[in-house]
């Protein structure tokens, strides 16, 4: 979903600083501004990713199960067992 945003009335100093940052990071001016916006939004709203949510839920489940006395044991793998692989 491409969207164009126009920012008017940037000071000359801001434009110059952005160009220098872009050069320092080896990016185009547009890519540098995108990165700054992405980083700023991520810092302001650090929502966990779906994977982080799943890991958190698994940890909480394990802790509550262990607190209730449930023990999770993974049986040792038999070296002679062969996994069925479907192509």
N, C-alpha and C. Protein backbone atom coordinates (compact mmCIF):
# COMPACT_ATOMS: atom_id res chain seq x y z
N UNK A 1 0.84 -1.17 0.00
CA UNK A 1 0.00 0.00 0.00
C UNK A 1 0.89 1.24 0.00
N UNK A 2 1.12 1.78 -1.14
CA UNK A 2 1.97 2.97 -1.27
C UNK A 2 1.15 4.22 -0.96
N UNK A 3 1.76 5.09 -0.21
CA UNK A 3 1.11 6.35 0.15
C UNK A 3 2.16 7.44 0.03
N UNK A 4 1.78 8.56 -0.51
CA UNK A 4 2.68 9.70 -0.64
C UNK A 4 2.34 10.71 0.44
N UNK A 5 3.38 11.17 1.13
CA UNK A 5 3.21 12.18 2.17
C UNK A 5 4.11 13.36 1.80
N UNK A 6 3.57 14.52 1.83
CA UNK A 6 4.34 15.73 1.55
C UNK A 6 4.52 16.49 2.85
N UNK A 7 5.76 16.87 3.13
CA UNK A 7 6.06 17.66 4.32
C UNK A 7 6.56 19.02 3.83
N UNK A 8 5.81 20.03 4.16
CA UNK A 8 6.15 21.38 3.69
C UNK A 8 6.86 22.17 4.81
N UNK A 9 7.57 23.17 4.38
CA UNK A 9 8.19 24.16 5.26
C UNK A 9 9.23 23.57 6.21
N UNK A 10 9.99 22.57 5.76
CA UNK A 10 11.13 22.11 6.55
C UNK A 10 12.21 23.18 6.49
N UNK A 11 12.82 23.43 7.60
CA UNK A 11 13.89 24.43 7.60
C UNK A 11 15.07 23.91 6.77
N UNK A 12 15.86 24.83 6.31
CA UNK A 12 17.05 24.48 5.53
C UNK A 12 17.99 23.63 6.39
N UNK A 13 18.09 23.94 7.68
CA UNK A 13 18.96 23.18 8.59
C UNK A 13 18.48 21.74 8.72
N UNK A 14 17.17 21.54 8.81
CA UNK A 14 16.62 20.19 8.92
C UNK A 14 16.88 19.41 7.65
N UNK A 15 16.67 20.03 6.52
CA UNK A 15 16.92 19.37 5.24
C UNK A 15 18.39 18.96 5.11
N UNK A 16 19.26 19.85 5.51
CA UNK A 16 20.70 19.58 5.43
C UNK A 16 21.07 18.43 6.37
N UNK A 17 20.54 18.47 7.58
CA UNK A 17 20.83 17.40 8.54
C UNK A 17 20.32 16.05 8.04
N UNK A 18 19.14 16.03 7.44
CA UNK A 18 18.60 14.79 6.90
C UNK A 18 19.47 14.26 5.76
N UNK A 19 19.94 15.16 4.90
CA UNK A 19 20.80 14.72 3.79
C UNK A 19 22.10 14.14 4.33
N UNK A 20 22.67 14.77 5.36
CA UNK A 20 23.92 14.25 5.95
C UNK A 20 23.70 12.89 6.60
N UNK A 21 22.58 12.75 7.30
CA UNK A 21 22.27 11.45 7.92
C UNK A 21 22.13 10.37 6.86
N UNK A 22 21.45 10.70 5.77
CA UNK A 22 21.25 9.73 4.69
C UNK A 22 22.60 9.27 4.13
N UNK A 23 23.49 10.22 3.90
CA UNK A 23 24.81 9.89 3.38
C UNK A 23 25.58 9.03 4.39
N UNK A 24 25.53 9.42 5.66
CA UNK A 24 26.23 8.68 6.70
C UNK A 24 25.76 7.23 6.79
N UNK A 25 24.47 7.00 6.54
CA UNK A 25 23.90 5.66 6.64
C UNK A 25 23.84 4.94 5.28
N UNK A 26 24.33 5.59 4.25
CA UNK A 26 24.36 4.97 2.93
C UNK A 26 22.99 4.75 2.32
N UNK A 27 22.08 5.67 2.61
CA UNK A 27 20.71 5.56 2.10
C UNK A 27 20.34 6.80 1.32
N UNK A 28 19.28 6.66 0.54
CA UNK A 28 18.73 7.85 -0.13
C UNK A 28 18.04 8.70 0.94
N UNK A 29 17.76 9.94 0.61
CA UNK A 29 17.07 10.82 1.54
C UNK A 29 15.71 10.24 1.90
N UNK A 30 15.00 9.73 0.91
CA UNK A 30 13.68 9.14 1.15
C UNK A 30 13.78 7.92 2.07
N UNK A 31 14.76 7.06 1.83
CA UNK A 31 14.93 5.87 2.67
C UNK A 31 15.30 6.25 4.10
N UNK A 32 16.11 7.29 4.24
CA UNK A 32 16.50 7.74 5.58
C UNK A 32 15.29 8.26 6.35
N UNK A 33 14.46 9.06 5.70
CA UNK A 33 13.26 9.59 6.35
C UNK A 33 12.32 8.45 6.73
N UNK A 34 12.18 7.46 5.83
CA UNK A 34 11.33 6.29 6.14
C UNK A 34 11.85 5.57 7.39
N UNK A 35 13.18 5.39 7.45
CA UNK A 35 13.77 4.70 8.60
C UNK A 35 13.57 5.48 9.89
N UNK A 36 13.74 6.77 9.83
CA UNK A 36 13.53 7.62 11.02
C UNK A 36 12.09 7.49 11.50
N UNK A 37 11.14 7.55 10.58
CA UNK A 37 9.72 7.43 10.95
C UNK A 37 9.42 6.05 11.52
N UNK A 38 9.92 4.99 10.87
CA UNK A 38 9.70 3.63 11.37
C UNK A 38 10.26 3.47 12.78
N UNK A 39 11.50 3.92 12.99
CA UNK A 39 12.13 3.79 14.31
C UNK A 39 11.37 4.57 15.37
N UNK A 40 10.94 5.78 15.03
CA UNK A 40 10.24 6.63 15.99
C UNK A 40 8.90 6.04 16.38
N UNK A 41 8.16 5.54 15.41
CA UNK A 41 6.85 4.95 15.71
C UNK A 41 7.01 3.69 16.53
N UNK A 42 7.99 2.86 16.20
CA UNK A 42 8.24 1.62 16.93
C UNK A 42 8.61 1.91 18.39
N UNK A 43 9.41 2.94 18.62
CA UNK A 43 9.80 3.31 19.99
C UNK A 43 8.61 3.85 20.76
N UNK A 44 7.75 4.60 20.09
CA UNK A 44 6.61 5.22 20.76
C UNK A 44 5.52 4.20 21.07
N UNK A 45 5.42 3.15 20.26
CA UNK A 45 4.37 2.15 20.44
C UNK A 45 4.98 0.76 20.29
N UNK A 46 5.71 0.33 21.31
CA UNK A 46 6.43 -0.95 21.20
C UNK A 46 5.52 -2.16 21.39
N UNK A 47 4.60 -2.37 20.47
CA UNK A 47 3.71 -3.53 20.56
C UNK A 47 4.50 -4.79 20.22
N UNK A 48 4.24 -5.85 20.94
CA UNK A 48 4.94 -7.10 20.62
C UNK A 48 4.46 -7.68 19.29
N UNK A 49 5.35 -8.39 18.63
CA UNK A 49 4.98 -9.06 17.39
C UNK A 49 4.13 -10.27 17.72
N UNK A 50 3.53 -10.89 16.71
CA UNK A 50 2.72 -12.08 16.93
C UNK A 50 3.57 -13.19 17.54
N UNK A 51 4.80 -13.36 17.07
CA UNK A 51 5.69 -14.39 17.61
C UNK A 51 5.99 -14.12 19.08
N UNK A 52 6.21 -12.87 19.44
CA UNK A 52 6.48 -12.53 20.84
C UNK A 52 5.25 -12.80 21.71
N UNK A 53 4.06 -12.53 21.18
CA UNK A 53 2.82 -12.81 21.91
C UNK A 53 2.67 -14.31 22.17
N UNK A 54 2.98 -15.12 21.16
CA UNK A 54 2.87 -16.57 21.30
C UNK A 54 3.86 -17.08 22.33
N UNK A 55 5.10 -16.60 22.29
CA UNK A 55 6.09 -17.02 23.27
C UNK A 55 5.68 -16.62 24.69
N UNK A 56 5.14 -15.43 24.84
CA UNK A 56 4.67 -14.97 26.14
C UNK A 56 3.54 -15.86 26.65
N UNK A 57 2.58 -16.19 25.78
CA UNK A 57 1.47 -17.06 26.17
C UNK A 57 1.97 -18.44 26.56
N UNK A 58 2.94 -18.96 25.83
CA UNK A 58 3.51 -20.28 26.15
C UNK A 58 4.20 -20.25 27.51
N UNK A 59 4.96 -19.20 27.78
CA UNK A 59 5.63 -19.07 29.09
C UNK A 59 4.61 -18.99 30.22
N UNK A 60 3.57 -18.20 30.01
CA UNK A 60 2.55 -18.05 31.05
C UNK A 60 1.82 -19.38 31.28
N UNK A 61 1.53 -20.11 30.20
CA UNK A 61 0.89 -21.41 30.33
C UNK A 61 1.77 -22.37 31.11
N UNK A 62 3.06 -22.42 30.76
CA UNK A 62 4.01 -23.31 31.44
C UNK A 62 4.09 -22.97 32.93
N UNK A 63 4.17 -21.68 33.25
CA UNK A 63 4.26 -21.27 34.65
C UNK A 63 3.00 -21.63 35.42
N UNK A 64 1.84 -21.39 34.83
CA UNK A 64 0.60 -21.71 35.55
C UNK A 64 0.43 -23.22 35.69
N UNK A 65 0.83 -23.98 34.68
CA UNK A 65 0.72 -25.44 34.76
C UNK A 65 1.67 -25.98 35.82
N UNK A 66 2.89 -25.46 35.87
CA UNK A 66 3.85 -25.91 36.88
C UNK A 66 3.39 -25.52 38.28
N UNK A 67 2.79 -24.34 38.41
CA UNK A 67 2.27 -23.92 39.72
C UNK A 67 1.14 -24.84 40.17
N UNK A 68 0.41 -25.42 39.21
CA UNK A 68 -0.68 -26.34 39.54
C UNK A 68 -0.17 -27.77 39.73
N UNK A 69 1.14 -27.95 39.59
CA UNK A 69 1.71 -29.28 39.81
C UNK A 69 1.82 -30.14 38.58
N UNK A 70 1.53 -29.60 37.42
CA UNK A 70 1.63 -30.38 36.19
C UNK A 70 3.10 -30.41 35.77
N UNK A 71 3.59 -31.60 35.48
CA UNK A 71 4.97 -31.75 35.05
C UNK A 71 5.01 -32.09 33.57
N UNK A 72 5.85 -31.40 32.85
CA UNK A 72 6.02 -31.66 31.43
C UNK A 72 7.33 -32.40 31.23
N UNK A 73 7.24 -33.59 30.71
CA UNK A 73 8.46 -34.35 30.44
C UNK A 73 8.47 -34.71 28.97
N UNK A 74 9.58 -34.47 28.36
CA UNK A 74 9.75 -34.83 26.96
C UNK A 74 10.49 -36.15 26.94
N UNK A 75 9.88 -37.20 26.38
CA UNK A 75 10.55 -38.49 26.38
C UNK A 75 11.81 -38.44 25.51
N UNK A 76 12.81 -39.22 25.89
CA UNK A 76 14.03 -39.22 25.07
C UNK A 76 13.74 -39.79 23.68
N UNK A 77 14.41 -39.29 22.72
CA UNK A 77 14.20 -39.74 21.35
C UNK A 77 14.99 -41.02 21.12
N UNK A 78 14.34 -41.97 20.52
CA UNK A 78 14.97 -43.23 20.18
C UNK A 78 15.72 -43.02 18.87
N UNK A 79 17.02 -43.29 18.89
CA UNK A 79 17.84 -43.06 17.70
C UNK A 79 17.39 -43.91 16.54
N UNK A 80 16.73 -45.03 16.82
CA UNK A 80 16.31 -45.92 15.75
C UNK A 80 15.00 -45.48 15.10
N UNK A 81 14.29 -44.56 15.76
CA UNK A 81 13.03 -44.09 15.19
C UNK A 81 13.29 -43.31 13.92
N UNK A 82 12.49 -43.53 12.95
CA UNK A 82 12.60 -42.80 11.70
C UNK A 82 11.37 -41.92 11.55
N UNK A 83 11.57 -40.71 11.19
CA UNK A 83 10.45 -39.82 10.95
C UNK A 83 9.92 -40.05 9.54
N UNK A 84 8.61 -40.03 9.42
CA UNK A 84 7.99 -40.14 8.11
C UNK A 84 7.99 -38.76 7.48
N UNK A 85 8.60 -38.62 6.35
CA UNK A 85 8.68 -37.34 5.65
C UNK A 85 7.80 -37.42 4.41
N UNK A 86 6.92 -36.45 4.32
CA UNK A 86 6.03 -36.40 3.17
C UNK A 86 6.50 -35.33 2.21
N UNK A 87 6.57 -35.66 0.97
CA UNK A 87 7.04 -34.70 -0.03
C UNK A 87 5.88 -33.97 -0.65
